[in-house]
N, C-alpha and C. Protein backbone atom coordinates (compact mmCIF):
# COMPACT_ATOMS: atom_id res chain seq x y z
N MET A 1 17.26 -4.90 -12.56
CA MET A 1 15.83 -4.76 -11.78
C MET A 1 15.05 -6.30 -11.88
N LYS A 2 14.90 -6.02 -13.39
CA LYS A 2 14.11 -7.31 -13.63
C LYS A 2 14.35 -8.84 -13.41
N ASN A 3 15.40 -8.47 -13.44
CA ASN A 3 16.15 -10.16 -12.99
C ASN A 3 16.45 -10.24 -11.85
N HIS A 4 16.54 -9.16 -10.69
CA HIS A 4 16.74 -9.59 -9.30
C HIS A 4 15.04 -9.83 -8.60
N ILE A 5 14.13 -9.24 -9.44
CA ILE A 5 12.75 -9.60 -9.02
C ILE A 5 12.27 -10.95 -9.78
N THR A 6 12.77 -11.79 -10.72
CA THR A 6 12.35 -12.62 -10.89
C THR A 6 13.11 -13.78 -10.25
N LYS A 7 14.59 -13.65 -9.36
CA LYS A 7 14.83 -14.12 -8.63
C LYS A 7 13.96 -14.30 -7.66
N TYR A 8 13.67 -13.22 -6.53
CA TYR A 8 13.16 -13.09 -5.59
C TYR A 8 11.82 -13.90 -5.80
N PHE A 9 11.04 -14.12 -6.92
CA PHE A 9 9.95 -14.76 -6.91
C PHE A 9 9.96 -16.39 -7.18
N VAL A 10 10.88 -16.56 -7.90
CA VAL A 10 11.59 -17.96 -7.76
C VAL A 10 11.73 -18.33 -5.84
N LEU A 11 12.36 -17.64 -5.17
CA LEU A 11 12.96 -18.09 -4.13
C LEU A 11 11.58 -18.48 -3.07
N ILE A 12 10.57 -17.66 -3.18
CA ILE A 12 9.86 -17.60 -2.32
C ILE A 12 8.64 -18.37 -2.76
N GLY A 13 7.57 -18.87 -1.86
CA GLY A 13 6.90 -19.65 -2.44
C GLY A 13 5.53 -19.34 -2.86
N GLY A 14 4.65 -20.10 -2.90
CA GLY A 14 3.26 -20.31 -3.81
C GLY A 14 2.57 -19.40 -2.76
N GLN A 15 2.50 -19.76 -1.45
CA GLN A 15 2.12 -18.95 -0.39
C GLN A 15 2.10 -17.37 -0.23
N THR A 16 3.27 -17.06 -0.26
CA THR A 16 3.54 -16.09 -0.54
C THR A 16 3.35 -15.03 -1.51
N ARG A 17 3.18 -15.49 -2.60
CA ARG A 17 2.99 -14.98 -3.63
C ARG A 17 1.26 -15.16 -3.48
N LYS A 18 0.71 -15.33 -3.50
CA LYS A 18 -0.39 -15.54 -2.94
C LYS A 18 -1.23 -14.12 -2.19
N GLY A 19 -0.60 -14.04 -1.09
CA GLY A 19 -0.16 -12.98 -0.17
C GLY A 19 -0.08 -11.61 -0.84
N LEU A 20 1.07 -11.59 -2.10
CA LEU A 20 1.47 -10.41 -2.62
C LEU A 20 0.17 -9.67 -3.30
N VAL A 21 -0.30 -11.06 -3.96
CA VAL A 21 -1.55 -10.85 -5.09
C VAL A 21 -2.66 -9.53 -3.97
N VAL A 22 -2.81 -9.83 -2.68
CA VAL A 22 -4.02 -9.48 -2.24
C VAL A 22 -3.54 -8.26 -1.46
N LEU A 23 -1.80 -7.91 -1.49
CA LEU A 23 -1.57 -6.58 -1.09
C LEU A 23 -1.37 -6.04 -1.93
N PHE A 24 -1.12 -6.38 -3.32
CA PHE A 24 -1.26 -5.42 -4.72
C PHE A 24 -2.63 -4.93 -4.69
N ALA A 25 -3.46 -5.67 -4.44
CA ALA A 25 -5.13 -5.22 -4.57
C ALA A 25 -5.25 -4.15 -3.39
N LEU A 26 -4.56 -4.22 -2.34
CA LEU A 26 -4.87 -3.07 -1.29
C LEU A 26 -4.09 -2.03 -1.47
N MET A 27 -2.77 -2.00 -2.48
CA MET A 27 -1.91 -0.91 -2.71
C MET A 27 -3.02 -0.26 -3.80
N LEU A 28 -3.93 -1.07 -4.51
CA LEU A 28 -4.30 -0.16 -5.64
C LEU A 28 -5.54 0.52 -5.05
N PHE A 29 -6.03 -0.12 -3.76
CA PHE A 29 -7.21 0.89 -3.39
C PHE A 29 -6.98 1.85 -2.58
N THR A 30 -5.50 1.86 -1.84
CA THR A 30 -4.93 3.13 -1.52
C THR A 30 -4.47 4.36 -2.59
N ALA A 31 -4.00 3.66 -3.48
CA ALA A 31 -3.75 4.82 -4.52
C ALA A 31 -5.30 5.28 -5.38
N ALA A 32 -6.42 4.43 -5.54
CA ALA A 32 -7.48 5.18 -5.48
C ALA A 32 -7.89 6.28 -4.34
N LEU A 33 -7.85 5.90 -3.10
CA LEU A 33 -7.99 6.76 -1.88
C LEU A 33 -7.13 8.37 -2.57
N GLU A 34 -5.80 8.16 -2.72
CA GLU A 34 -5.14 8.96 -3.04
C GLU A 34 -5.73 9.94 -4.24
N MET A 35 -6.22 9.04 -5.21
CA MET A 35 -6.88 10.14 -6.34
C MET A 35 -8.03 10.66 -5.74
N VAL A 36 -9.13 10.39 -5.17
CA VAL A 36 -10.24 10.86 -4.71
C VAL A 36 -9.91 12.07 -3.95
N GLY A 37 -8.90 11.77 -3.21
CA GLY A 37 -8.08 13.26 -2.22
C GLY A 37 -8.03 14.32 -2.54
N ILE A 38 -7.02 13.84 -3.70
CA ILE A 38 -6.34 15.09 -4.94
C ILE A 38 -7.79 15.69 -5.82
N SER A 39 -8.51 14.97 -6.18
CA SER A 39 -9.66 15.46 -6.83
C SER A 39 -10.44 16.29 -5.77
N LEU A 40 -10.85 15.88 -4.72
CA LEU A 40 -11.86 17.10 -3.62
C LEU A 40 -11.12 17.92 -3.14
N PHE A 41 -9.93 18.65 -3.85
CA PHE A 41 -9.33 19.86 -3.39
C PHE A 41 -10.17 20.32 -3.98
N LEU A 42 -10.19 20.39 -5.47
CA LEU A 42 -10.27 21.75 -6.29
C LEU A 42 -11.83 22.10 -6.34
N PRO A 43 -12.97 21.23 -5.93
CA PRO A 43 -13.95 21.86 -5.31
C PRO A 43 -14.25 22.53 -4.03
N LEU A 44 -13.34 21.73 -3.21
CA LEU A 44 -13.35 22.75 -1.75
C LEU A 44 -12.51 23.83 -2.45
N LEU A 45 -11.28 23.97 -3.07
CA LEU A 45 -11.09 25.48 -3.20
C LEU A 45 -11.82 26.36 -3.72
N GLN A 46 -12.68 25.81 -4.70
CA GLN A 46 -13.80 26.70 -5.58
C GLN A 46 -14.75 27.34 -4.56
N LEU A 47 -15.20 26.08 -3.52
CA LEU A 47 -16.14 26.82 -2.70
C LEU A 47 -15.41 28.05 -1.83
N LEU A 48 -14.22 27.23 -1.27
CA LEU A 48 -13.94 28.77 -0.28
C LEU A 48 -13.36 30.20 -0.97
N THR A 49 -12.81 29.98 -2.38
CA THR A 49 -12.18 30.95 -2.92
C THR A 49 -13.87 31.85 -3.83
N THR A 50 -14.24 31.25 -4.54
CA THR A 50 -15.56 31.73 -5.38
C THR A 50 -16.84 31.08 -5.27
N PRO A 51 -17.42 31.45 -3.46
CA PRO A 51 -18.39 30.85 -3.56
C PRO A 51 -19.71 30.83 -4.55
N GLU A 52 -19.70 32.04 -5.23
CA GLU A 52 -20.97 32.65 -6.22
C GLU A 52 -21.05 31.14 -7.68
N GLU A 53 -19.47 31.09 -8.22
CA GLU A 53 -19.29 30.29 -8.92
C GLU A 53 -19.65 29.06 -8.89
N ALA A 54 -19.31 28.53 -7.42
CA ALA A 54 -19.56 27.40 -7.23
C ALA A 54 -21.12 26.84 -6.75
N ALA A 55 -22.01 27.67 -7.16
CA ALA A 55 -23.23 27.97 -6.66
C ALA A 55 -24.08 27.20 -8.18
N GLU A 56 -23.09 27.61 -8.76
CA GLU A 56 -23.53 27.39 -10.30
C GLU A 56 -23.06 26.06 -10.75
N ASN A 57 -22.24 25.17 -9.96
CA ASN A 57 -21.76 23.82 -10.36
C ASN A 57 -22.64 22.67 -10.01
N LEU A 58 -23.08 22.30 -11.20
CA LEU A 58 -23.70 21.66 -10.92
C LEU A 58 -23.75 20.28 -10.04
N VAL A 59 -22.72 19.69 -10.07
CA VAL A 59 -22.20 18.74 -9.30
C VAL A 59 -22.37 19.30 -7.68
N LEU A 60 -21.59 20.44 -7.55
CA LEU A 60 -22.08 20.72 -6.09
C LEU A 60 -23.03 21.24 -5.67
N ASP A 61 -23.97 21.85 -6.65
CA ASP A 61 -25.35 22.21 -6.38
C ASP A 61 -26.40 21.09 -6.00
N THR A 62 -26.02 20.05 -7.04
CA THR A 62 -26.89 18.73 -6.56
C THR A 62 -26.05 18.04 -4.93
N LEU A 63 -25.17 18.34 -4.75
CA LEU A 63 -24.69 17.57 -3.28
C LEU A 63 -25.00 18.53 -2.42
N LYS A 64 -25.48 19.98 -2.68
CA LYS A 64 -25.53 20.78 -1.68
C LYS A 64 -27.27 20.33 -1.34
N ARG A 65 -28.15 20.32 -2.19
CA ARG A 65 -29.58 20.14 -2.43
C ARG A 65 -29.36 18.29 -1.72
N LEU A 66 -28.81 17.54 -1.76
CA LEU A 66 -28.60 15.98 -1.32
C LEU A 66 -28.21 15.98 0.30
N LEU A 67 -27.41 17.09 0.91
CA LEU A 67 -27.13 17.30 1.93
C LEU A 67 -27.87 18.08 2.92
N GLY A 68 -29.06 18.86 2.29
CA GLY A 68 -29.90 19.62 2.78
C GLY A 68 -29.73 21.08 3.64
N ALA A 69 -28.09 21.31 2.65
CA ALA A 69 -27.91 22.30 3.13
C ALA A 69 -28.39 23.60 2.63
N GLU A 70 -28.81 24.64 4.13
CA GLU A 70 -29.82 25.78 3.80
C GLU A 70 -29.39 27.04 3.15
N SER A 71 -27.69 26.89 3.72
CA SER A 71 -27.30 27.92 3.24
C SER A 71 -25.66 27.58 2.33
N GLN A 72 -25.20 28.91 1.88
CA GLN A 72 -23.93 28.74 1.23
C GLN A 72 -22.64 28.40 2.15
N ASN A 73 -23.17 28.90 3.60
CA ASN A 73 -22.21 28.59 4.57
C ASN A 73 -22.34 27.05 5.33
N GLN A 74 -23.26 26.91 5.22
CA GLN A 74 -23.72 25.83 6.04
C GLN A 74 -23.29 24.58 5.03
N PHE A 75 -23.25 24.73 3.77
CA PHE A 75 -22.92 23.63 2.52
C PHE A 75 -21.34 23.53 3.03
N ILE A 76 -20.58 24.91 2.71
CA ILE A 76 -19.00 24.79 3.21
C ILE A 76 -18.64 23.97 4.47
N MET A 77 -19.29 23.90 5.20
CA MET A 77 -19.24 23.49 6.42
C MET A 77 -19.29 21.90 6.37
N TYR A 78 -20.35 21.54 5.88
CA TYR A 78 -20.67 20.01 5.18
C TYR A 78 -19.66 19.60 4.41
N PHE A 79 -19.29 20.21 3.68
CA PHE A 79 -17.95 19.79 2.56
C PHE A 79 -16.93 19.25 3.08
N CYS A 80 -16.21 20.91 4.25
CA CYS A 80 -15.16 20.81 4.96
C CYS A 80 -15.09 19.07 5.87
N LEU A 81 -16.08 19.27 6.78
CA LEU A 81 -16.47 18.05 7.30
C LEU A 81 -16.34 17.14 6.42
N PHE A 82 -16.89 16.91 5.28
CA PHE A 82 -16.79 15.56 4.72
C PHE A 82 -15.18 15.31 4.19
N VAL A 83 -14.47 16.74 3.48
CA VAL A 83 -12.95 16.38 3.12
C VAL A 83 -12.48 16.12 4.56
N LEU A 84 -12.63 16.51 5.21
CA LEU A 84 -11.81 16.05 6.67
C LEU A 84 -12.09 14.41 7.10
N THR A 85 -13.15 13.95 6.78
CA THR A 85 -13.76 12.40 7.48
C THR A 85 -12.66 12.02 6.41
N PHE A 86 -13.00 12.45 5.03
CA PHE A 86 -12.35 11.19 4.11
C PHE A 86 -10.89 11.35 4.32
N PHE A 87 -10.64 12.36 4.66
CA PHE A 87 -8.46 12.54 4.70
C PHE A 87 -8.41 10.98 6.12
N ILE A 88 -9.18 11.67 7.09
CA ILE A 88 -8.87 10.96 8.27
C ILE A 88 -8.96 9.35 7.97
N PHE A 89 -10.07 8.83 7.10
CA PHE A 89 -10.23 7.13 6.41
C PHE A 89 -9.06 7.24 5.55
N LYS A 90 -8.75 7.81 4.79
CA LYS A 90 -7.63 7.57 4.24
C LYS A 90 -6.38 7.23 4.72
N SER A 91 -6.40 8.20 5.60
CA SER A 91 -5.05 8.29 6.56
C SER A 91 -5.03 6.53 7.23
N LEU A 92 -6.05 6.27 7.66
CA LEU A 92 -6.18 4.97 8.42
C LEU A 92 -6.30 3.83 7.63
N ALA A 93 -6.63 4.11 6.49
CA ALA A 93 -6.26 3.09 5.60
C ALA A 93 -5.03 3.08 5.35
N LEU A 94 -4.38 3.53 5.00
CA LEU A 94 -2.65 4.00 4.84
C LEU A 94 -1.90 3.32 5.67
N GLY A 95 -2.34 3.51 6.44
CA GLY A 95 -1.71 2.71 7.89
C GLY A 95 -1.66 1.52 8.02
N PHE A 96 -3.09 1.01 7.87
CA PHE A 96 -3.47 -0.41 7.78
C PHE A 96 -2.66 -1.26 6.64
N VAL A 97 -2.63 -0.87 5.37
CA VAL A 97 -1.73 -1.31 4.47
C VAL A 97 -0.44 -1.03 4.84
N ILE A 98 -0.01 -0.30 4.86
CA ILE A 98 1.25 -0.51 6.00
C ILE A 98 1.71 -1.22 7.11
N PHE A 99 0.86 -1.27 7.64
CA PHE A 99 0.87 -2.34 8.92
C PHE A 99 0.70 -4.20 8.33
N LEU A 100 -0.55 -3.93 7.20
CA LEU A 100 -0.33 -5.49 6.63
C LEU A 100 0.90 -5.64 6.24
N GLN A 101 1.46 -4.98 4.97
CA GLN A 101 2.61 -5.27 4.49
C GLN A 101 3.95 -5.89 5.73
N ASN A 102 4.11 -4.78 6.43
CA ASN A 102 5.09 -5.12 7.26
C ASN A 102 4.86 -6.48 8.21
N ARG A 103 3.70 -7.10 8.84
CA ARG A 103 3.24 -8.07 8.87
C ARG A 103 3.39 -9.33 8.41
N PHE A 104 3.30 -8.87 6.65
CA PHE A 104 3.48 -9.87 6.05
C PHE A 104 4.71 -10.24 5.77
N ILE A 105 5.53 -9.57 5.64
CA ILE A 105 6.85 -9.47 5.49
C ILE A 105 7.55 -10.32 6.68
N ALA A 106 6.90 -10.02 7.91
CA ALA A 106 7.91 -10.29 8.99
C ALA A 106 6.86 -12.15 9.07
N GLN A 107 5.52 -12.44 8.79
CA GLN A 107 5.41 -13.59 9.06
C GLN A 107 5.70 -14.49 7.62
N HIS A 108 6.43 -14.19 6.35
CA HIS A 108 6.93 -15.04 5.64
C HIS A 108 8.31 -14.99 5.72
N ARG A 109 8.81 -14.17 6.21
CA ARG A 109 10.10 -14.40 6.91
C ARG A 109 10.35 -15.54 7.44
N ALA A 110 9.76 -15.22 8.46
CA ALA A 110 9.64 -16.49 9.61
C ALA A 110 9.24 -17.92 8.95
N LEU A 111 8.39 -17.84 8.31
CA LEU A 111 7.68 -19.29 7.24
C LEU A 111 9.12 -19.37 6.52
N TYR A 112 9.61 -18.75 5.65
CA TYR A 112 10.85 -19.04 4.89
C TYR A 112 12.00 -19.67 5.56
N SER A 113 12.37 -19.19 7.05
CA SER A 113 13.15 -19.75 7.85
C SER A 113 12.93 -21.21 8.28
N GLN A 114 11.66 -20.95 8.66
CA GLN A 114 11.30 -22.66 9.30
C GLN A 114 11.63 -23.48 7.93
N ASN A 115 11.01 -23.24 6.92
CA ASN A 115 11.08 -23.88 5.41
C ASN A 115 12.37 -24.38 5.40
N LEU A 116 13.32 -23.33 5.37
CA LEU A 116 15.15 -23.52 5.20
C LEU A 116 15.56 -24.78 6.43
N LEU A 117 15.28 -24.28 7.36
CA LEU A 117 15.52 -25.25 8.83
C LEU A 117 15.09 -26.67 8.15
N ARG A 118 13.83 -26.58 7.89
CA ARG A 118 13.39 -28.45 7.71
C ARG A 118 14.45 -28.62 6.76
N HIS A 119 14.47 -28.08 5.23
CA HIS A 119 15.47 -28.51 4.47
C HIS A 119 16.36 -29.05 4.97
N TYR A 120 17.40 -27.95 5.52
CA TYR A 120 18.65 -28.69 6.55
C TYR A 120 18.36 -29.91 7.38
N LEU A 121 17.25 -29.70 8.26
CA LEU A 121 17.32 -31.03 8.87
C LEU A 121 16.99 -32.46 7.95
N ASP A 122 16.22 -32.39 6.89
CA ASP A 122 16.02 -33.83 6.29
C ASP A 122 17.35 -34.04 5.30
N LYS A 123 18.34 -33.06 5.37
CA LYS A 123 19.35 -33.36 4.54
C LYS A 123 19.89 -34.63 5.59
N PRO A 124 20.79 -35.55 5.06
CA PRO A 124 21.64 -36.82 5.44
C PRO A 124 22.87 -36.25 6.79
N TYR A 125 22.94 -36.93 7.34
CA TYR A 125 24.07 -36.53 8.35
C TYR A 125 25.39 -36.23 7.61
N ILE A 126 25.43 -37.06 6.55
CA ILE A 126 27.13 -36.54 5.90
C ILE A 126 26.98 -35.15 5.60
N PHE A 127 25.92 -34.71 4.89
CA PHE A 127 26.09 -33.19 4.64
C PHE A 127 26.18 -32.34 6.12
N HIS A 128 25.65 -32.62 6.80
CA HIS A 128 26.12 -31.75 8.02
C HIS A 128 27.77 -31.89 8.44
N LEU A 129 28.32 -33.02 7.94
CA LEU A 129 29.74 -33.04 8.48
C LEU A 129 30.55 -32.23 7.73
N GLN A 130 30.10 -32.13 6.26
CA GLN A 130 30.64 -31.53 5.27
C GLN A 130 30.66 -29.95 5.18
N ARG A 131 29.46 -29.21 6.08
CA ARG A 131 29.22 -28.26 6.17
C ARG A 131 29.26 -27.60 7.34
N ASN A 132 29.98 -26.17 7.42
CA ASN A 132 30.14 -25.34 8.88
C ASN A 132 28.88 -25.00 9.47
N THR A 133 28.65 -25.26 10.56
CA THR A 133 27.44 -25.05 10.95
C THR A 133 27.10 -23.62 10.80
N THR A 134 28.23 -22.96 11.05
CA THR A 134 27.57 -21.42 11.38
C THR A 134 27.18 -20.77 9.95
N GLU A 135 27.39 -21.58 9.15
CA GLU A 135 27.15 -21.12 7.51
C GLU A 135 25.76 -21.42 7.29
N LEU A 136 25.21 -22.58 7.81
CA LEU A 136 23.91 -23.25 7.84
C LEU A 136 22.88 -22.25 8.80
N ILE A 137 23.71 -21.59 10.10
CA ILE A 137 22.49 -20.84 10.62
C ILE A 137 22.38 -19.70 10.17
N ARG A 138 23.34 -18.97 9.38
CA ARG A 138 23.70 -17.65 9.07
C ARG A 138 22.57 -17.56 7.78
N ASN A 139 22.59 -18.67 7.54
CA ASN A 139 21.64 -18.71 6.11
C ASN A 139 20.35 -18.78 6.45
N ILE A 140 20.01 -19.64 7.23
CA ILE A 140 18.36 -19.50 8.62
C ILE A 140 17.98 -17.98 8.48
N THR A 141 18.96 -17.06 8.91
CA THR A 141 18.69 -16.37 9.78
C THR A 141 18.75 -15.31 8.96
N VAL A 142 20.27 -14.57 8.76
CA VAL A 142 20.54 -13.62 8.32
C VAL A 142 19.84 -13.58 6.60
N LEU A 143 20.42 -14.56 5.46
CA LEU A 143 19.82 -14.66 4.61
C LEU A 143 18.05 -14.26 4.26
N ALA A 144 17.51 -15.17 5.48
CA ALA A 144 16.09 -14.77 5.07
C ALA A 144 15.41 -13.39 5.28
N SER A 145 16.30 -12.80 6.40
CA SER A 145 15.83 -11.60 6.58
C SER A 145 16.30 -10.69 5.31
N ARG A 146 17.58 -10.90 4.79
CA ARG A 146 17.83 -9.84 3.67
C ARG A 146 17.19 -10.33 2.79
N LEU A 147 16.30 -11.41 2.67
CA LEU A 147 15.35 -11.40 1.21
C LEU A 147 14.09 -11.01 1.26
N PHE A 148 13.70 -11.02 2.70
CA PHE A 148 12.32 -10.34 2.56
C PHE A 148 12.55 -8.65 3.08
N ILE A 149 13.40 -8.13 4.35
CA ILE A 149 13.77 -6.92 4.60
C ILE A 149 14.45 -6.02 3.59
N ASN A 150 15.28 -6.62 2.98
CA ASN A 150 16.21 -5.74 2.01
C ASN A 150 15.75 -6.14 0.89
N GLY A 151 14.69 -7.36 0.41
CA GLY A 151 14.66 -7.32 -0.63
C GLY A 151 12.99 -7.23 -1.21
N LEU A 152 12.24 -7.72 -0.59
CA LEU A 152 10.93 -7.49 -0.93
C LEU A 152 10.11 -6.31 -0.34
N LEU A 153 10.22 -5.87 0.75
CA LEU A 153 9.90 -4.94 1.72
C LEU A 153 9.92 -3.47 0.82
N PRO A 154 11.29 -3.27 0.07
CA PRO A 154 11.69 -2.15 -0.90
C PRO A 154 10.72 -2.33 -1.99
N ILE A 155 10.71 -3.38 -2.67
CA ILE A 155 9.98 -3.71 -3.79
C ILE A 155 8.40 -3.56 -3.58
N LEU A 156 7.83 -3.87 -2.58
CA LEU A 156 6.47 -3.31 -1.98
C LEU A 156 6.19 -2.18 -2.12
N GLN A 157 7.25 -1.16 -1.41
CA GLN A 157 6.91 -0.09 -1.19
C GLN A 157 7.16 0.98 -2.13
N PHE A 158 7.99 0.38 -2.91
CA PHE A 158 8.52 1.31 -4.38
C PHE A 158 6.93 0.91 -4.99
N ALA A 159 6.66 -0.37 -5.21
CA ALA A 159 5.48 -0.30 -6.22
C ALA A 159 4.39 0.42 -5.69
N MET A 160 4.16 0.58 -4.56
CA MET A 160 2.99 1.29 -3.70
C MET A 160 3.31 2.98 -3.80
N GLU A 161 4.26 3.24 -3.57
CA GLU A 161 4.73 4.61 -4.55
C GLU A 161 4.46 5.04 -5.45
N LEU A 162 4.67 4.09 -6.71
CA LEU A 162 4.74 4.07 -8.13
C LEU A 162 3.23 4.03 -8.52
N LEU A 163 2.27 3.14 -7.57
CA LEU A 163 1.14 3.30 -8.19
C LEU A 163 0.34 4.82 -7.89
N ILE A 164 0.54 5.14 -6.53
CA ILE A 164 0.18 6.67 -5.79
C ILE A 164 0.83 7.46 -6.51
N ILE A 165 1.67 7.81 -7.18
CA ILE A 165 2.79 9.08 -8.09
C ILE A 165 1.76 8.49 -9.63
N THR A 166 1.18 7.45 -10.26
CA THR A 166 0.76 7.03 -11.27
C THR A 166 -0.94 7.61 -11.01
N GLY A 167 -1.33 7.57 -9.97
CA GLY A 167 -3.03 7.70 -9.94
C GLY A 167 -3.28 9.40 -9.87
N ILE A 168 -1.90 10.40 -9.21
CA ILE A 168 -2.08 11.55 -8.78
C ILE A 168 -1.90 12.00 -9.93
N GLY A 169 -0.78 11.38 -11.05
CA GLY A 169 -0.70 12.16 -12.13
C GLY A 169 -2.02 11.79 -13.22
N VAL A 170 -2.47 10.89 -13.28
CA VAL A 170 -3.63 10.67 -13.82
C VAL A 170 -4.74 11.67 -13.11
N VAL A 171 -5.28 11.78 -12.02
CA VAL A 171 -6.24 12.74 -11.92
C VAL A 171 -5.74 14.02 -12.07
N LEU A 172 -4.55 14.42 -11.88
CA LEU A 172 -4.25 15.93 -12.18
C LEU A 172 -4.31 16.32 -13.89
N ILE A 173 -4.06 15.12 -14.61
CA ILE A 173 -4.47 15.21 -16.27
C ILE A 173 -5.92 15.13 -16.30
N LEU A 174 -6.54 14.22 -15.85
CA LEU A 174 -7.97 14.76 -16.30
C LEU A 174 -8.85 16.00 -15.56
N VAL A 175 -8.12 16.05 -14.80
CA VAL A 175 -8.67 17.46 -14.05
C VAL A 175 -8.12 18.58 -13.88
């Protein structure tokens, strides 16, 4: 597996590698959002099941005073609205990151095909006489798609899922 990933990084250019660093940072951000989302459930459950014990919780009590909630029911409503708003934001952020991943793959697949075509066009005329044109066209279209859609995209998706699972595991261990 490591050998395949190394081969992919050799084939792609420096601009693509820089874009991967940005995507990885965004994936870390979404993993952090997942961690916060999981950690919001325990206070919410405590508020809904045992509001008396939740009133004794220092963090929840401080949050209640900051929000200016006059009653426990009003605080529960505010907290539920906060959790709902957070999960809507988290879902939008995750959708945006997935959109950026797919756009990144499409743009860099096209860039790779363009560079490969330019490389072929820069070859001497003899090169084209000795090669089958269908192989060159196949390399430009099919192999570029395989490299990015069947190679790099699954690696990105696996890395994102691994970050999320690791983050959730850390939250569950700490909480």
